Amino acid sequence: MAAKVEIPFLDISVEALEGLETKSEKWKELCDRVREACETHGIFFLVYDKIPTSLREEIFVALKTLFDLPEETKNKHVNPRPYRSYLGKCPVIPFHESFGVDEAPTLDASQAFTTLMWPEGNPKFLLLFFF
């Protein structure tokens, strides 16, 4: 019988973070919970109730569109820095795919990545991930 695994939930809602200041005791406790979740589970859920469900759904659809692109398209995203390129189809971790996009919060980097993946354009993807 498989062991039941419980994925930790970390609450970062405005209410939960009220009074949180960098390097405070509350900050250190949150950092410890994040570290522990990463070390023991390798994953955690973030709870943040200020992002509307509709936006989360749009983001998941956009990500599915990105990861459904052909391998040759995804492999165009290369970066000399480790773990910043497209990673996928690895025999050791066959269900893992990821992209590392440096400076993603900047318009130039977001546009460059979007144009690389969709030369014909994908304004909805750009809008969701930059703005």
N, C-alpha and C. Protein backbone atom coordinates (compact mmCIF):
# COMPACT_ATOMS: atom_id res chain seq x y z
N MET A 1 0.84 -1.17 0.00
CA MET A 1 0.00 0.00 0.00
C MET A 1 0.89 1.25 0.00
N ALA A 2 0.54 2.20 -0.83
CA ALA A 2 1.32 3.44 -0.93
C ALA A 2 1.09 4.31 0.29
N ALA A 3 2.14 4.98 0.71
CA ALA A 3 2.03 5.89 1.86
C ALA A 3 1.30 7.16 1.44
N LYS A 4 0.51 7.69 2.34
CA LYS A 4 -0.21 8.92 2.08
C LYS A 4 0.75 10.09 2.26
N VAL A 5 0.84 10.94 1.26
CA VAL A 5 1.73 12.09 1.32
C VAL A 5 0.87 13.35 1.41
N GLU A 6 1.16 14.17 2.37
CA GLU A 6 0.45 15.43 2.51
C GLU A 6 1.37 16.56 2.09
N ILE A 7 0.94 17.29 1.08
CA ILE A 7 1.72 18.42 0.58
C ILE A 7 1.44 19.63 1.48
N PRO A 8 2.48 20.28 1.98
CA PRO A 8 2.28 21.42 2.87
C PRO A 8 1.63 22.60 2.15
N PHE A 9 0.79 23.32 2.88
CA PHE A 9 0.18 24.56 2.42
C PHE A 9 0.82 25.71 3.17
N LEU A 10 1.26 26.72 2.44
CA LEU A 10 1.84 27.92 3.05
C LEU A 10 0.94 29.10 2.69
N ASP A 11 0.44 29.76 3.70
CA ASP A 11 -0.50 30.87 3.51
C ASP A 11 0.29 32.17 3.40
N ILE A 12 0.19 32.82 2.24
CA ILE A 12 0.83 34.13 2.06
C ILE A 12 -0.21 35.20 1.75
N SER A 13 -1.42 34.98 2.25
CA SER A 13 -2.46 35.99 2.06
C SER A 13 -2.09 37.24 2.84
N VAL A 14 -2.72 38.34 2.52
CA VAL A 14 -2.42 39.61 3.17
C VAL A 14 -2.62 39.48 4.68
N GLU A 15 -3.69 38.81 5.08
CA GLU A 15 -3.98 38.65 6.50
C GLU A 15 -2.89 37.83 7.19
N ALA A 16 -2.44 36.76 6.57
CA ALA A 16 -1.43 35.89 7.18
C ALA A 16 -0.08 36.59 7.29
N LEU A 17 0.20 37.50 6.37
CA LEU A 17 1.50 38.18 6.37
C LEU A 17 1.48 39.53 7.09
N GLU A 18 0.34 39.87 7.69
CA GLU A 18 0.23 41.14 8.37
C GLU A 18 1.31 41.26 9.46
N GLY A 19 2.01 42.35 9.44
CA GLY A 19 3.07 42.58 10.43
C GLY A 19 4.38 41.89 10.10
N LEU A 20 4.45 41.23 8.96
CA LEU A 20 5.68 40.51 8.59
C LEU A 20 6.73 41.52 8.12
N GLU A 21 7.88 41.48 8.75
CA GLU A 21 8.99 42.34 8.36
C GLU A 21 10.22 41.48 8.13
N THR A 22 11.01 41.86 7.14
CA THR A 22 12.22 41.12 6.83
C THR A 22 13.08 40.94 8.08
N LYS A 23 13.54 39.71 8.27
CA LYS A 23 14.44 39.32 9.37
C LYS A 23 13.75 39.27 10.73
N SER A 24 12.44 39.50 10.78
CA SER A 24 11.71 39.37 12.04
C SER A 24 11.55 37.90 12.39
N GLU A 25 11.10 37.61 13.59
CA GLU A 25 10.87 36.22 14.01
C GLU A 25 9.83 35.56 13.12
N LYS A 26 8.77 36.30 12.78
CA LYS A 26 7.72 35.77 11.91
C LYS A 26 8.29 35.45 10.52
N TRP A 27 9.19 36.31 10.02
CA TRP A 27 9.85 36.10 8.73
C TRP A 27 10.68 34.82 8.77
N LYS A 28 11.46 34.64 9.85
CA LYS A 28 12.30 33.46 9.99
C LYS A 28 11.45 32.19 10.05
N GLU A 29 10.31 32.25 10.72
CA GLU A 29 9.41 31.08 10.81
C GLU A 29 8.88 30.71 9.42
N LEU A 30 8.49 31.73 8.64
CA LEU A 30 8.00 31.46 7.28
C LEU A 30 9.12 30.87 6.43
N CYS A 31 10.31 31.43 6.52
CA CYS A 31 11.46 30.90 5.77
C CYS A 31 11.74 29.45 6.15
N ASP A 32 11.64 29.15 7.44
CA ASP A 32 11.86 27.78 7.90
C ASP A 32 10.81 26.83 7.34
N ARG A 33 9.56 27.28 7.29
CA ARG A 33 8.49 26.42 6.75
C ARG A 33 8.70 26.17 5.25
N VAL A 34 9.14 27.20 4.51
CA VAL A 34 9.42 27.03 3.08
C VAL A 34 10.58 26.05 2.90
N ARG A 35 11.66 26.25 3.65
CA ARG A 35 12.82 25.36 3.56
C ARG A 35 12.44 23.92 3.90
N GLU A 36 11.71 23.75 4.99
CA GLU A 36 11.31 22.41 5.41
C GLU A 36 10.44 21.73 4.35
N ALA A 37 9.51 22.48 3.78
CA ALA A 37 8.64 21.93 2.73
C ALA A 37 9.47 21.50 1.52
N CYS A 38 10.45 22.31 1.14
CA CYS A 38 11.31 21.97 0.00
C CYS A 38 12.17 20.75 0.30
N GLU A 39 12.72 20.71 1.51
CA GLU A 39 13.61 19.61 1.86
C GLU A 39 12.88 18.29 2.05
N THR A 40 11.69 18.33 2.65
CA THR A 40 11.00 17.08 2.96
C THR A 40 10.06 16.63 1.85
N HIS A 41 9.49 17.58 1.11
CA HIS A 41 8.50 17.23 0.09
C HIS A 41 8.91 17.61 -1.33
N GLY A 42 9.77 18.61 -1.44
CA GLY A 42 10.17 19.09 -2.77
C GLY A 42 9.10 19.92 -3.45
N ILE A 43 8.03 20.21 -2.72
CA ILE A 43 6.90 20.94 -3.29
C ILE A 43 6.06 21.51 -2.15
N PHE A 44 5.31 22.58 -2.44
CA PHE A 44 4.33 23.08 -1.48
C PHE A 44 3.31 23.90 -2.25
N PHE A 45 2.15 24.05 -1.65
CA PHE A 45 1.10 24.89 -2.20
C PHE A 45 1.18 26.25 -1.52
N LEU A 46 1.07 27.31 -2.32
CA LEU A 46 0.97 28.65 -1.76
C LEU A 46 -0.49 29.05 -1.78
N VAL A 47 -0.97 29.54 -0.66
CA VAL A 47 -2.34 30.02 -0.56
C VAL A 47 -2.29 31.54 -0.59
N TYR A 48 -2.90 32.10 -1.60
CA TYR A 48 -2.97 33.55 -1.72
C TYR A 48 -4.31 33.87 -2.38
N ASP A 49 -5.24 34.32 -1.59
CA ASP A 49 -6.62 34.45 -2.03
C ASP A 49 -6.93 35.72 -2.83
N LYS A 50 -5.94 36.54 -3.10
CA LYS A 50 -6.20 37.79 -3.82
C LYS A 50 -6.12 37.63 -5.34
N ILE A 51 -5.72 36.46 -5.82
CA ILE A 51 -5.68 36.22 -7.26
C ILE A 51 -6.99 35.56 -7.66
N PRO A 52 -7.78 36.20 -8.51
CA PRO A 52 -9.07 35.64 -8.88
C PRO A 52 -8.93 34.27 -9.57
N THR A 53 -9.90 33.42 -9.31
CA THR A 53 -9.91 32.08 -9.91
C THR A 53 -9.85 32.17 -11.43
N SER A 54 -10.54 33.12 -12.01
CA SER A 54 -10.55 33.25 -13.47
C SER A 54 -9.14 33.53 -14.01
N LEU A 55 -8.37 34.34 -13.31
CA LEU A 55 -7.00 34.63 -13.74
C LEU A 55 -6.12 33.39 -13.61
N ARG A 56 -6.26 32.66 -12.51
CA ARG A 56 -5.50 31.41 -12.35
C ARG A 56 -5.81 30.44 -13.48
N GLU A 57 -7.08 30.32 -13.84
CA GLU A 57 -7.47 29.42 -14.92
C GLU A 57 -6.87 29.86 -16.25
N GLU A 58 -6.88 31.17 -16.51
CA GLU A 58 -6.28 31.69 -17.74
C GLU A 58 -4.78 31.39 -17.80
N ILE A 59 -4.11 31.51 -16.66
CA ILE A 59 -2.68 31.24 -16.61
C ILE A 59 -2.41 29.76 -16.89
N PHE A 60 -3.20 28.87 -16.31
CA PHE A 60 -3.01 27.44 -16.56
C PHE A 60 -3.25 27.10 -18.03
N VAL A 61 -4.24 27.72 -18.65
CA VAL A 61 -4.49 27.50 -20.08
C VAL A 61 -3.30 28.00 -20.90
N ALA A 62 -2.77 29.17 -20.54
CA ALA A 62 -1.61 29.72 -21.26
C ALA A 62 -0.39 28.82 -21.09
N LEU A 63 -0.18 28.30 -19.88
CA LEU A 63 0.95 27.40 -19.67
C LEU A 63 0.79 26.10 -20.45
N LYS A 64 -0.43 25.60 -20.51
CA LYS A 64 -0.67 24.39 -21.31
C LYS A 64 -0.34 24.66 -22.77
N THR A 65 -0.73 25.82 -23.27
CA THR A 65 -0.41 26.21 -24.64
C THR A 65 1.10 26.25 -24.86
N LEU A 66 1.82 26.79 -23.88
CA LEU A 66 3.28 26.86 -23.97
C LEU A 66 3.89 25.46 -23.99
N PHE A 67 3.52 24.61 -23.06
CA PHE A 67 4.14 23.30 -22.97
C PHE A 67 3.64 22.33 -24.04
N ASP A 68 2.54 22.67 -24.72
CA ASP A 68 2.06 21.85 -25.83
C ASP A 68 2.75 22.19 -27.15
N LEU A 69 3.60 23.22 -27.15
CA LEU A 69 4.34 23.56 -28.37
C LEU A 69 5.24 22.38 -28.76
N PRO A 70 5.60 22.28 -30.03
CA PRO A 70 6.51 21.21 -30.47
C PRO A 70 7.87 21.32 -29.76
N GLU A 71 8.49 20.19 -29.56
CA GLU A 71 9.81 20.15 -28.90
C GLU A 71 10.81 21.06 -29.58
N GLU A 72 10.81 21.07 -30.92
CA GLU A 72 11.79 21.91 -31.63
C GLU A 72 11.59 23.38 -31.31
N THR A 73 10.35 23.81 -31.10
CA THR A 73 10.09 25.20 -30.73
C THR A 73 10.58 25.47 -29.32
N LYS A 74 10.22 24.60 -28.37
CA LYS A 74 10.64 24.80 -26.98
C LYS A 74 12.16 24.77 -26.84
N ASN A 75 12.83 23.95 -27.64
CA ASN A 75 14.29 23.85 -27.57
C ASN A 75 15.01 25.08 -28.11
N LYS A 76 14.28 26.01 -28.72
CA LYS A 76 14.89 27.26 -29.18
C LYS A 76 15.27 28.15 -28.00
N HIS A 77 14.64 27.93 -26.87
CA HIS A 77 14.93 28.74 -25.69
C HIS A 77 16.18 28.19 -25.01
N VAL A 78 17.31 28.83 -25.27
CA VAL A 78 18.59 28.39 -24.71
C VAL A 78 19.22 29.55 -23.94
N ASN A 79 19.99 29.18 -22.94
CA ASN A 79 20.68 30.15 -22.11
C ASN A 79 21.93 29.45 -21.59
N PRO A 80 23.08 30.10 -21.62
CA PRO A 80 24.30 29.45 -21.15
C PRO A 80 24.31 29.20 -19.64
N ARG A 81 23.47 29.89 -18.90
CA ARG A 81 23.42 29.69 -17.45
C ARG A 81 22.64 28.41 -17.13
N PRO A 82 23.05 27.69 -16.13
CA PRO A 82 22.37 26.43 -15.78
C PRO A 82 20.90 26.63 -15.43
N TYR A 83 20.08 25.71 -15.90
CA TYR A 83 18.64 25.66 -15.60
C TYR A 83 17.87 26.87 -16.10
N ARG A 84 18.40 27.58 -17.06
CA ARG A 84 17.71 28.75 -17.60
C ARG A 84 17.15 28.49 -18.98
N SER A 85 17.47 27.35 -19.57
CA SER A 85 16.95 27.00 -20.89
C SER A 85 15.68 26.17 -20.72
N TYR A 86 15.17 25.69 -21.84
CA TYR A 86 14.07 24.73 -21.76
C TYR A 86 14.65 23.40 -21.32
N LEU A 87 14.03 22.77 -20.34
CA LEU A 87 14.42 21.44 -19.90
C LEU A 87 13.22 20.53 -20.06
N GLY A 88 13.42 19.44 -20.77
CA GLY A 88 12.33 18.50 -20.95
C GLY A 88 12.81 17.22 -21.61
N LYS A 89 11.95 16.24 -21.60
CA LYS A 89 12.23 14.94 -22.22
C LYS A 89 13.52 14.32 -21.70
N CYS A 90 13.71 14.40 -20.40
CA CYS A 90 14.89 13.81 -19.77
C CYS A 90 14.53 12.42 -19.28
N PRO A 91 15.31 11.40 -19.65
CA PRO A 91 14.97 10.04 -19.25
C PRO A 91 14.97 9.83 -17.73
N VAL A 92 15.74 10.61 -17.01
CA VAL A 92 15.80 10.45 -15.56
C VAL A 92 14.53 10.99 -14.89
N ILE A 93 14.01 12.10 -15.40
CA ILE A 93 12.75 12.68 -14.89
C ILE A 93 11.83 12.94 -16.09
N PRO A 94 11.22 11.88 -16.61
CA PRO A 94 10.52 11.97 -17.89
C PRO A 94 9.29 12.88 -17.92
N PHE A 95 8.70 13.19 -16.79
CA PHE A 95 7.49 14.02 -16.80
C PHE A 95 7.77 15.46 -16.41
N HIS A 96 9.04 15.83 -16.38
CA HIS A 96 9.42 17.18 -15.99
C HIS A 96 9.71 18.03 -17.22
N GLU A 97 9.16 19.22 -17.22
CA GLU A 97 9.48 20.23 -18.23
C GLU A 97 9.55 21.57 -17.51
N SER A 98 10.47 22.41 -17.92
CA SER A 98 10.54 23.73 -17.31
C SER A 98 11.23 24.71 -18.26
N PHE A 99 10.96 25.97 -18.02
CA PHE A 99 11.63 27.07 -18.71
C PHE A 99 12.21 27.98 -17.64
N GLY A 100 13.41 28.46 -17.85
CA GLY A 100 13.96 29.51 -17.01
C GLY A 100 14.05 30.75 -17.88
N VAL A 101 13.40 31.81 -17.46
CA VAL A 101 13.41 33.05 -18.25
C VAL A 101 13.99 34.15 -17.38
N ASP A 102 15.24 34.52 -17.68
CA ASP A 102 15.88 35.61 -16.93
C ASP A 102 15.14 36.91 -17.19
N GLU A 103 15.03 37.70 -16.17
CA GLU A 103 14.42 39.03 -16.27
C GLU A 103 12.98 38.97 -16.79
N ALA A 104 12.26 37.90 -16.49
CA ALA A 104 10.88 37.74 -16.97
C ALA A 104 9.96 38.90 -16.63
N PRO A 105 10.15 39.56 -15.48
CA PRO A 105 9.24 40.69 -15.18
C PRO A 105 9.45 41.92 -16.06
N THR A 106 10.50 41.92 -16.89
CA THR A 106 10.70 43.08 -17.76
C THR A 106 9.99 42.86 -19.08
N LEU A 107 9.52 43.94 -19.65
CA LEU A 107 8.79 43.86 -20.92
C LEU A 107 9.68 43.29 -22.02
N ASP A 108 10.93 43.74 -22.10
CA ASP A 108 11.82 43.27 -23.16
C ASP A 108 12.02 41.75 -23.10
N ALA A 109 12.29 41.22 -21.93
CA ALA A 109 12.50 39.77 -21.78
C ALA A 109 11.22 38.99 -22.07
N SER A 110 10.09 39.50 -21.58
CA SER A 110 8.81 38.83 -21.83
C SER A 110 8.48 38.81 -23.32
N GLN A 111 8.69 39.95 -23.98
CA GLN A 111 8.43 40.00 -25.42
C GLN A 111 9.37 39.09 -26.19
N ALA A 112 10.64 39.09 -25.83
CA ALA A 112 11.61 38.24 -26.53
C ALA A 112 11.24 36.77 -26.38
N PHE A 113 10.88 36.34 -25.17
CA PHE A 113 10.50 34.94 -24.95
C PHE A 113 9.23 34.60 -25.74
N THR A 114 8.24 35.46 -25.66
CA THR A 114 6.97 35.21 -26.36
C THR A 114 7.18 35.15 -27.86
N THR A 115 7.97 36.05 -28.40
CA THR A 115 8.25 36.06 -29.84
C THR A 115 9.04 34.83 -30.26
N LEU A 116 9.95 34.37 -29.42
CA LEU A 116 10.71 33.16 -29.73
C LEU A 116 9.79 31.94 -29.81
N MET A 117 8.84 31.85 -28.88
CA MET A 117 7.93 30.70 -28.85
C MET A 117 6.84 30.81 -29.91
N TRP A 118 6.36 32.03 -30.15
CA TRP A 118 5.30 32.27 -31.13
C TRP A 118 5.72 33.41 -32.05
N PRO A 119 6.50 33.12 -33.10
CA PRO A 119 6.95 34.20 -34.00
C PRO A 119 5.78 35.00 -34.60
N GLU A 120 4.63 34.35 -34.73
CA GLU A 120 3.45 35.06 -35.27
C GLU A 120 2.78 35.92 -34.21
N GLY A 121 3.26 35.81 -32.96
CA GLY A 121 2.73 36.60 -31.85
C GLY A 121 1.75 35.82 -31.00
N ASN A 122 1.68 36.19 -29.75
CA ASN A 122 0.70 35.64 -28.81
C ASN A 122 0.49 36.70 -27.74
N PRO A 123 -0.28 37.74 -28.08
CA PRO A 123 -0.45 38.85 -27.15
C PRO A 123 -1.09 38.45 -25.82
N LYS A 124 -1.96 37.44 -25.85
CA LYS A 124 -2.61 37.03 -24.61
C LYS A 124 -1.59 36.44 -23.62
N PHE A 125 -0.67 35.62 -24.14
CA PHE A 125 0.38 35.06 -23.29
C PHE A 125 1.23 36.18 -22.70
N LEU A 126 1.64 37.12 -23.55
CA LEU A 126 2.45 38.24 -23.08
C LEU A 126 1.72 39.04 -22.02
N LEU A 127 0.48 39.30 -22.25
CA LEU A 127 -0.33 40.08 -21.30
C LEU A 127 -0.43 39.37 -19.94
N LEU A 128 -0.64 38.06 -19.96
CA LEU A 128 -0.78 37.32 -18.70
C LEU A 128 0.53 37.27 -17.92
N PHE A 129 1.64 37.15 -18.62
CA PHE A 129 2.89 36.95 -17.91
C PHE A 129 3.70 38.20 -17.67
N PHE A 130 3.42 39.26 -18.37
CA PHE A 130 4.15 40.48 -18.09
C PHE A 130 3.34 41.41 -17.20
N PHE A 131 2.09 41.55 -17.54
CA PHE A 131 1.27 42.55 -16.83
C PHE A 131 0.53 41.87 -15.75
